[in-house]
Amino acid sequence: MFPGATDEREVTDATDDAIRGSHTDTGGQESDRDGANFVVVGAPLDATTTFHPGTRFGPQRIRSFAAPFDDYDHRSDRHFSDLGVVDRGDVRAWDDVAEYLEYLTSTLREVVWNDGIPLLLGGEHTVSLAGVRAVEPEVFVCLDAHLDCYDVYDGNPLSHAAVTRRIVEDVDSIEEAILLGVRTGSEAEWERAAADDVTVVPPEDVAEWSHDGQFADRDVYLSVDIDAVDPGYAPGTGTMEPFGLEPRDIRDVVHAVAPHADGFDVVEVNDRDDGQAAALAAKLVREFVFSHVDG
């Protein structure tokens, strides 16, 4: 369970019925939504990782390295455990990626239909497609080292290297993608990213980036691929790319975008470091929640 969240898996059927018929979250705190405000869902997909595998361990690793964090947040003057966060555990992955994404989409769509904000823990970046399908935003904001704009990679249109392309081209609600921190891609990907529906902000410009009111009256989905940060800070990811962002850069983007976002994920964390990537991912989940509530 994500620390500070209520473990929804431990709720009995009778209690669950009572909760769903009330106006409190599953922690018994007053909520401004019918049920949970935020719902953590793990998606341990590890099917198309192209270098270091291990994203199947990401969700539980993120939860584990969130354990030392204080419940109280001084910046927002709030307690995480007061904000109506529940954890539904992991949606176990299987080999058929298309089928898995459909099932994951339906799980996340239920969260959205119940007026909750999905907090998706990856897993490879492909799972973001399910999050975007469920939320149906106009704008996809993504922190990433890579363009992920292949049409197909190794013959697979559902590769994690093609996820941004799938989101932009296959999700009807999407009007544009804003990619922050990108510093690599194939020639064909850069050609695709030059189109009007994609904006690329390189790492050196992220600190000065602002959405400048462009999210007004538009739904937004925020995705953080942990490899957006420089691998010196978070080596526990599958395809490390040097010259990346500092953790504070990503935190500041999360602070800016979270008030406008109806869905969030952090992906591509694996088990190949001492917890640096997972700890950063867990902290960003919390920063999103605090900033969304304050927004």
Protein backbone atom coordinates (compact mmCIF):
# COMPACT_ATOMS: atom_id res chain seq x y z
CA MET A 1 0.00 0.00 0.00
CA PHE A 2 1.18 3.52 -0.76
CA PRO A 3 1.96 5.09 2.65
CA GLY A 4 -0.77 7.46 3.77
CA ALA A 5 -3.35 5.87 1.48
CA THR A 6 -6.16 3.54 2.50
CA ASP A 7 -5.75 -0.02 1.25
CA GLU A 8 -8.96 -0.53 -0.69
CA ARG A 9 -8.22 -4.23 -1.06
CA GLU A 10 -8.85 -4.70 2.67
CA VAL A 11 -12.32 -3.15 2.62
CA THR A 12 -15.10 -5.69 3.16
CA ASP A 13 -18.07 -5.88 0.79
CA ALA A 14 -20.44 -4.42 3.37
CA THR A 15 -18.08 -1.61 4.25
CA ASP A 16 -17.39 -0.98 0.56
CA ASP A 17 -21.11 -0.58 -0.11
CA ALA A 18 -21.40 1.89 2.76
CA ILE A 19 -18.43 3.89 1.54
CA ARG A 20 -19.68 4.09 -2.04
CA GLY A 21 -23.03 5.33 -0.80
CA SER A 22 -21.54 8.06 1.36
CA HIS A 23 -19.67 11.29 0.83
CA THR A 24 -16.46 10.34 2.61
CA ASP A 25 -13.30 8.77 1.30
CA THR A 26 -12.26 5.32 2.46
CA GLY A 27 -10.11 6.79 5.21
CA GLY A 28 -13.15 8.35 6.84
CA GLN A 29 -12.01 11.89 6.04
CA GLU A 30 -14.31 14.51 4.57
CA SER A 31 -13.96 14.51 0.80
CA ASP A 32 -15.07 16.96 -1.85
CA ARG A 33 -15.83 13.99 -4.11
CA ASP A 34 -18.21 11.06 -3.90
CA GLY A 35 -15.70 8.49 -2.68
CA ALA A 36 -11.92 8.66 -3.03
CA ASN A 37 -10.25 11.81 -4.28
CA PHE A 38 -7.20 9.97 -5.63
CA VAL A 39 -6.77 6.28 -6.51
CA VAL A 40 -3.37 4.62 -6.77
CA VAL A 41 -3.22 1.78 -9.30
CA GLY A 42 -0.07 -0.21 -10.03
CA ALA A 43 0.58 -1.37 -13.59
CA PRO A 44 3.67 -3.63 -13.51
CA LEU A 45 3.92 -4.12 -17.28
CA ASP A 46 7.41 -5.17 -18.41
CA ALA A 47 6.81 -6.47 -21.93
CA THR A 48 8.62 -4.16 -24.36
CA THR A 49 11.51 -2.78 -22.31
CA THR A 50 14.36 -2.29 -24.77
CA PHE A 51 17.47 -2.30 -22.53
CA HIS A 52 17.39 -2.99 -18.77
CA PRO A 53 14.20 -4.85 -17.77
CA GLY A 54 12.65 -4.65 -14.33
CA THR A 55 9.70 -2.25 -14.59
CA ARG A 56 7.52 -5.08 -13.27
CA PHE A 57 8.99 -4.21 -9.87
CA GLY A 58 8.26 -0.49 -10.22
CA PRO A 59 4.90 -0.13 -8.46
CA GLN A 60 5.84 -2.01 -5.32
CA ARG A 61 9.26 -0.40 -5.24
CA ILE A 62 7.70 3.07 -5.40
CA ARG A 63 5.37 2.19 -2.54
CA SER A 64 8.25 0.78 -0.50
CA PHE A 65 10.49 3.82 -0.86
CA ALA A 66 7.63 6.15 0.08
CA ALA A 67 7.61 4.64 3.56
CA PRO A 68 10.08 7.06 5.23
CA PHE A 69 8.29 10.23 4.10
CA ASP A 70 6.52 12.30 6.73
CA ASP A 71 2.75 12.40 6.42
CA TYR A 72 2.82 16.18 6.96
CA ASP A 73 3.83 18.49 4.10
CA HIS A 74 5.10 21.87 5.32
CA ARG A 75 4.75 23.63 1.96
CA SER A 76 1.01 22.97 1.71
CA ASP A 77 0.38 22.63 5.46
CA ARG A 78 -1.50 19.38 4.81
CA HIS A 79 -1.33 15.74 5.81
CA PHE A 80 -1.25 13.24 2.95
CA SER A 81 -3.47 10.84 4.86
CA ASP A 82 -6.22 13.49 5.05
CA LEU A 83 -6.59 13.88 1.29
CA GLY A 84 -8.72 10.89 0.35
CA VAL A 85 -6.10 8.68 -1.30
CA VAL A 86 -6.81 4.97 -1.69
CA ASP A 87 -4.59 2.24 -3.14
CA ARG A 88 -6.23 -0.47 -5.23
CA GLY A 89 -3.04 -2.46 -5.56
CA ASP A 90 -1.66 -3.71 -8.87
CA VAL A 91 -3.43 -4.77 -12.03
CA ARG A 92 -1.38 -7.89 -12.71
CA ALA A 93 0.23 -7.76 -16.15
CA TRP A 94 0.19 -10.51 -18.74
CA ASP A 95 1.78 -11.11 -22.15
CA ASP A 96 -0.95 -9.72 -24.42
CA VAL A 97 -0.17 -5.99 -24.20
CA ALA A 98 -3.21 -4.83 -26.18
CA GLU A 99 -5.56 -6.88 -24.02
CA TYR A 100 -3.83 -5.76 -20.84
CA LEU A 101 -4.12 -2.11 -21.82
CA GLU A 102 -7.84 -2.53 -22.47
CA TYR A 103 -8.35 -4.04 -19.02
CA LEU A 104 -6.19 -1.39 -17.36
CA THR A 105 -8.14 1.32 -19.19
CA SER A 106 -11.42 -0.02 -17.84
CA THR A 107 -10.00 -0.07 -14.30
CA LEU A 108 -8.83 3.53 -14.56
CA ARG A 109 -12.03 4.64 -16.30
CA GLU A 110 -14.00 3.44 -13.30
CA VAL A 111 -11.88 5.77 -11.15
CA VAL A 112 -12.63 8.69 -13.48
CA TRP A 113 -16.35 7.92 -13.65
CA ASN A 114 -16.41 8.00 -9.84
CA ASP A 115 -14.85 11.47 -9.92
CA GLY A 116 -11.45 10.28 -8.70
CA ILE A 117 -8.01 11.18 -10.01
CA PRO A 118 -6.03 8.10 -11.11
CA LEU A 119 -2.44 7.89 -9.88
CA LEU A 120 -0.85 5.22 -12.07
CA LEU A 121 2.43 3.58 -11.04
CA GLY A 122 4.39 1.90 -13.84
CA GLY A 123 5.53 -0.32 -15.24
CA GLU A 124 6.83 0.57 -18.65
CA HIS A 125 5.68 3.78 -20.29
CA THR A 126 3.19 1.93 -22.49
CA VAL A 127 0.75 1.96 -19.55
CA SER A 128 0.32 5.73 -19.99
CA LEU A 129 -1.81 4.94 -23.03
CA ALA A 130 -4.37 3.32 -20.72
CA GLY A 131 -4.30 6.34 -18.41
CA VAL A 132 -4.91 8.77 -21.25
CA ARG A 133 -7.66 6.62 -22.74
CA ALA A 134 -9.43 6.63 -19.38
CA VAL A 135 -9.10 10.36 -18.70
CA GLU A 136 -9.64 11.55 -22.31
CA PRO A 137 -7.76 14.85 -21.96
CA GLU A 138 -7.08 17.44 -24.62
CA VAL A 139 -3.45 17.89 -23.57
CA PHE A 140 -0.80 15.27 -22.80
CA VAL A 141 2.11 16.70 -20.80
CA CYS A 142 5.05 14.36 -20.47
CA LEU A 143 8.44 14.58 -18.80
CA ASP A 144 10.71 12.19 -20.69
CA ALA A 145 14.25 11.76 -21.99
CA HIS A 146 12.92 10.20 -25.21
CA LEU A 147 10.45 11.30 -27.85
CA ASP A 148 8.69 7.89 -27.88
CA CYS A 149 7.34 8.83 -31.29
CA TYR A 150 8.10 5.68 -33.25
CA ASP A 151 5.15 4.47 -35.28
CA VAL A 152 6.35 0.94 -34.57
CA TYR A 153 9.45 -0.29 -32.74
CA ASP A 154 10.72 -3.80 -33.42
CA GLY A 155 7.47 -4.35 -35.29
CA ASN A 156 5.36 -3.41 -32.26
CA PRO A 157 3.08 -0.32 -32.35
CA LEU A 158 2.49 -0.76 -28.60
CA SER A 159 6.16 -0.55 -27.65
CA HIS A 160 7.10 1.85 -24.88
CA ALA A 161 9.14 3.62 -27.58
CA ALA A 162 5.91 4.41 -29.46
CA VAL A 163 3.64 5.48 -26.60
CA THR A 164 3.58 9.22 -27.32
CA ARG A 165 2.77 8.54 -30.99
CA ARG A 166 -0.09 6.23 -29.97
CA ILE A 167 -1.46 8.82 -27.55
CA VAL A 168 -1.30 11.68 -30.04
CA GLU A 169 -2.62 9.75 -33.03
CA ASP A 170 -4.97 7.16 -31.53
CA VAL A 171 -6.71 8.93 -28.62
CA ASP A 172 -9.46 11.04 -30.16
CA SER A 173 -9.59 13.64 -27.40
CA ILE A 174 -5.90 14.60 -27.67
CA GLU A 175 -5.17 17.94 -29.31
CA GLU A 176 -1.49 18.24 -28.45
CA ALA A 177 1.43 16.74 -26.59
CA ILE A 178 3.96 18.82 -24.65
CA LEU A 179 7.20 16.90 -24.11
CA LEU A 180 9.54 18.30 -21.47
CA GLY A 181 13.17 17.29 -21.00
CA VAL A 182 13.48 15.32 -24.23
CA ARG A 183 17.03 14.97 -25.46
CA THR A 184 17.05 12.02 -27.85
CA GLY A 185 15.11 10.33 -30.62
CA SER A 186 15.52 8.87 -34.09
CA GLU A 187 15.48 11.07 -37.18
CA ALA A 188 11.97 9.89 -38.02
CA GLU A 189 10.79 10.67 -34.49
CA TRP A 190 12.15 14.22 -34.66
CA GLU A 191 10.34 14.67 -37.98
CA ARG A 192 7.07 13.55 -36.37
CA ALA A 193 7.68 15.78 -33.35
CA ALA A 194 8.04 18.79 -35.64
CA ALA A 195 4.29 18.65 -36.39
CA ASP A 196 1.94 21.22 -34.89
CA ASP A 197 0.44 18.79 -32.38
CA VAL A 198 3.74 18.20 -30.55
CA THR A 199 5.84 20.69 -28.60
CA VAL A 200 9.31 19.68 -27.42
CA VAL A 201 11.03 21.58 -24.61
CA PRO A 202 14.72 20.56 -24.19
CA PRO A 203 16.19 20.07 -20.73
CA GLU A 204 17.97 23.42 -20.64
CA ASP A 205 14.66 25.26 -21.20
CA VAL A 206 12.42 23.35 -18.78
CA ALA A 207 13.19 25.57 -15.78
CA GLU A 208 11.83 28.57 -17.71
CA TRP A 209 8.84 26.75 -19.22
CA SER A 210 5.34 27.89 -18.32
CA HIS A 211 1.97 26.76 -19.60
CA ASP A 212 0.92 30.45 -19.76
CA GLY A 213 -2.77 29.78 -19.35
CA GLN A 214 -2.97 27.34 -22.26
CA PHE A 215 -4.67 24.77 -20.00
CA ALA A 216 -7.67 27.00 -19.31
CA ASP A 217 -10.90 25.05 -19.95
CA ARG A 218 -8.90 22.04 -21.14
CA ASP A 219 -8.36 18.64 -19.53
CA VAL A 220 -4.74 17.63 -18.96
CA TYR A 221 -2.96 14.35 -18.28
CA LEU A 222 0.53 14.46 -16.73
CA SER A 223 3.04 11.65 -17.22
CA VAL A 224 6.52 11.39 -15.69
CA ASP A 225 8.96 8.95 -17.23
CA ILE A 226 11.59 8.76 -14.51
CA ASP A 227 14.35 8.75 -17.15
CA ALA A 228 13.59 12.44 -17.74
CA VAL A 229 15.80 13.10 -14.74
CA ASP A 230 19.54 12.76 -15.20
CA PRO A 231 20.62 9.17 -14.48
CA GLY A 232 23.07 10.48 -11.91
CA TYR A 233 20.01 11.12 -9.73
CA ALA A 234 17.85 8.14 -10.73
CA PRO A 235 19.80 5.28 -12.30
CA GLY A 236 17.03 2.76 -11.66
CA THR A 237 15.41 2.92 -15.09
CA GLY A 238 15.61 0.95 -18.30
CA THR A 239 17.11 3.37 -20.82
CA MET A 240 19.30 5.93 -19.09
CA GLU A 241 20.05 9.11 -21.02
CA PRO A 242 22.67 11.58 -19.69
CA PHE A 243 22.33 15.39 -19.58
CA GLY A 244 18.86 15.26 -18.08
CA LEU A 245 16.78 17.24 -15.64
CA GLU A 246 17.44 17.79 -11.97
CA PRO A 247 14.79 16.47 -9.56
CA ARG A 248 13.75 20.02 -8.64
CA ASP A 249 13.00 20.74 -12.31
CA ILE A 250 10.54 17.86 -12.41
CA ARG A 251 9.05 18.82 -9.05
CA ASP A 252 8.42 22.35 -10.31
CA VAL A 253 6.67 21.07 -13.44
CA VAL A 254 4.48 18.82 -11.31
CA HIS A 255 3.60 21.78 -9.09
CA ALA A 256 2.63 23.84 -12.15
CA VAL A 257 0.63 21.20 -14.01
CA ALA A 258 -1.03 19.23 -11.19
CA PRO A 259 -3.82 21.76 -10.50
CA HIS A 260 -4.96 21.35 -14.12
CA ALA A 261 -4.49 17.57 -14.44
CA ASP A 262 -7.18 14.91 -14.21
CA GLY A 263 -4.74 12.01 -14.28
CA PHE A 264 -1.11 11.32 -13.40
CA ASP A 265 1.43 8.58 -13.81
CA VAL A 266 5.06 7.92 -13.02
CA VAL A 267 6.66 5.13 -15.04
CA GLU A 268 9.84 3.27 -16.02
CA VAL A 269 11.13 2.72 -12.48
CA ASN A 270 12.98 -0.58 -12.11
CA ASP A 271 15.03 -2.37 -9.45
CA ARG A 272 18.54 -1.60 -10.73
CA ASP A 273 19.61 1.01 -8.19
CA ASP A 274 19.53 1.53 -4.43
CA GLY A 275 16.11 3.16 -4.51
CA GLN A 276 16.96 6.59 -5.90
CA ALA A 277 14.50 6.35 -8.82
CA ALA A 278 11.72 4.85 -6.72
CA ALA A 279 12.12 7.43 -3.95
CA LEU A 280 11.93 10.26 -6.47
CA ALA A 281 8.88 8.70 -8.12
CA ALA A 282 7.13 8.30 -4.78
CA LYS A 283 7.88 11.89 -3.83
CA LEU A 284 6.46 13.12 -7.14
CA VAL A 285 3.21 11.22 -6.50
CA ARG A 286 2.86 13.06 -3.22
CA GLU A 287 3.81 16.41 -4.77
CA PHE A 288 1.12 15.90 -7.40
CA VAL A 289 -1.53 15.21 -4.77
CA PHE A 290 -0.62 18.18 -2.57
CA SER A 291 -0.41 20.52 -5.57
CA HIS A 292 -3.67 19.31 -7.10
CA VAL A 293 -5.53 19.87 -3.84
CA ASP A 294 -4.01 23.32 -3.38
CA GLY A 295 -4.72 24.27 -7.00
